[in-house]
Amino acid sequence: MINLQQLSIMMGMRKEAFTISYAYTYGLEDIQLAGFTGHLFTLGIDIFQDTYRPITIRGIL
């Protein structure tokens, strides 16, 4: 028997050294004491990639 408690949908895209992703989670329980529905945004930077170069902004660094 399969007992599903939540359903999640995830999507994302990658551009050079940056990754942006979005996830949505929906709770499927019959009785929800603390119902959970969530949104998650993630920004990732691949600092070990050869093409990644930090940019110095004049006046800040």
Protein backbone atom coordinates (compact mmCIF):
# COMPACT_ATOMS: atom_id res chain seq x y z
CA MET A 1 0.00 0.00 0.00
CA ILE A 2 1.32 3.42 -0.94
CA ASN A 3 0.77 6.20 1.59
CA LEU A 4 1.28 9.59 -0.05
CA GLN A 5 1.52 12.43 2.43
CA GLN A 6 2.61 15.26 0.16
CA LEU A 7 2.89 16.16 -3.49
CA SER A 8 5.82 18.28 -4.71
CA ILE A 9 6.38 19.98 -8.03
CA MET A 10 9.86 21.26 -8.84
CA MET A 11 11.30 23.21 -11.76
CA GLY A 12 14.43 25.17 -12.45
CA MET A 13 16.79 26.57 -15.02
CA ARG A 14 20.51 27.05 -15.34
CA LYS A 15 22.36 29.94 -16.97
CA GLU A 16 26.17 29.74 -16.98
CA ALA A 17 27.24 29.48 -13.31
CA PHE A 18 23.79 30.29 -11.84
CA THR A 19 20.87 27.98 -11.09
CA ILE A 20 17.40 29.23 -10.12
CA SER A 21 14.75 26.77 -8.98
CA TYR A 22 11.22 26.76 -7.58
CA ALA A 23 9.39 24.05 -5.64
CA TYR A 24 5.78 23.83 -4.44
CA THR A 25 4.66 21.26 -1.87
CA TYR A 26 1.06 20.39 -1.00
CA GLY A 27 0.03 18.22 1.96
CA LEU A 28 -2.40 15.36 1.19
CA GLU A 29 -3.24 14.12 4.70
CA ASP A 30 -6.91 13.58 5.59
CA ILE A 31 -6.49 15.16 9.03
CA GLN A 32 -4.18 18.17 9.06
CA LEU A 33 -3.33 19.45 12.52
CA ALA A 34 -0.86 21.90 11.01
CA GLY A 35 -1.55 21.90 7.29
CA PHE A 36 1.56 22.29 5.16
CA THR A 37 1.68 24.01 1.82
CA GLY A 38 4.99 25.53 0.90
CA HIS A 39 6.85 27.51 -1.71
CA LEU A 40 10.62 27.32 -2.01
CA PHE A 41 12.88 29.49 -4.17
CA THR A 42 16.56 28.60 -4.51
CA LEU A 43 19.49 30.47 -6.07
CA GLY A 44 22.66 28.49 -6.63
CA ILE A 45 26.10 29.66 -7.76
CA ASP A 46 28.64 27.17 -9.09
CA ILE A 47 31.87 28.72 -7.76
CA PHE A 48 33.99 25.77 -8.88
CA GLN A 49 33.11 26.23 -12.56
CA ASP A 50 35.96 27.53 -14.75
CA THR A 51 33.89 30.36 -16.24
CA TYR A 52 32.83 31.84 -12.87
CA ARG A 53 34.64 35.10 -12.07
CA PRO A 54 33.69 37.30 -9.10
CA ILE A 55 32.81 40.87 -10.07
CA THR A 56 34.06 43.78 -7.97
CA ILE A 57 31.56 46.63 -7.78
CA ARG A 58 33.27 50.00 -7.46
CA GLY A 59 32.42 51.70 -4.19
CA ILE A 60 31.40 48.48 -2.40
CA LEU A 61 34.60 46.41 -2.40
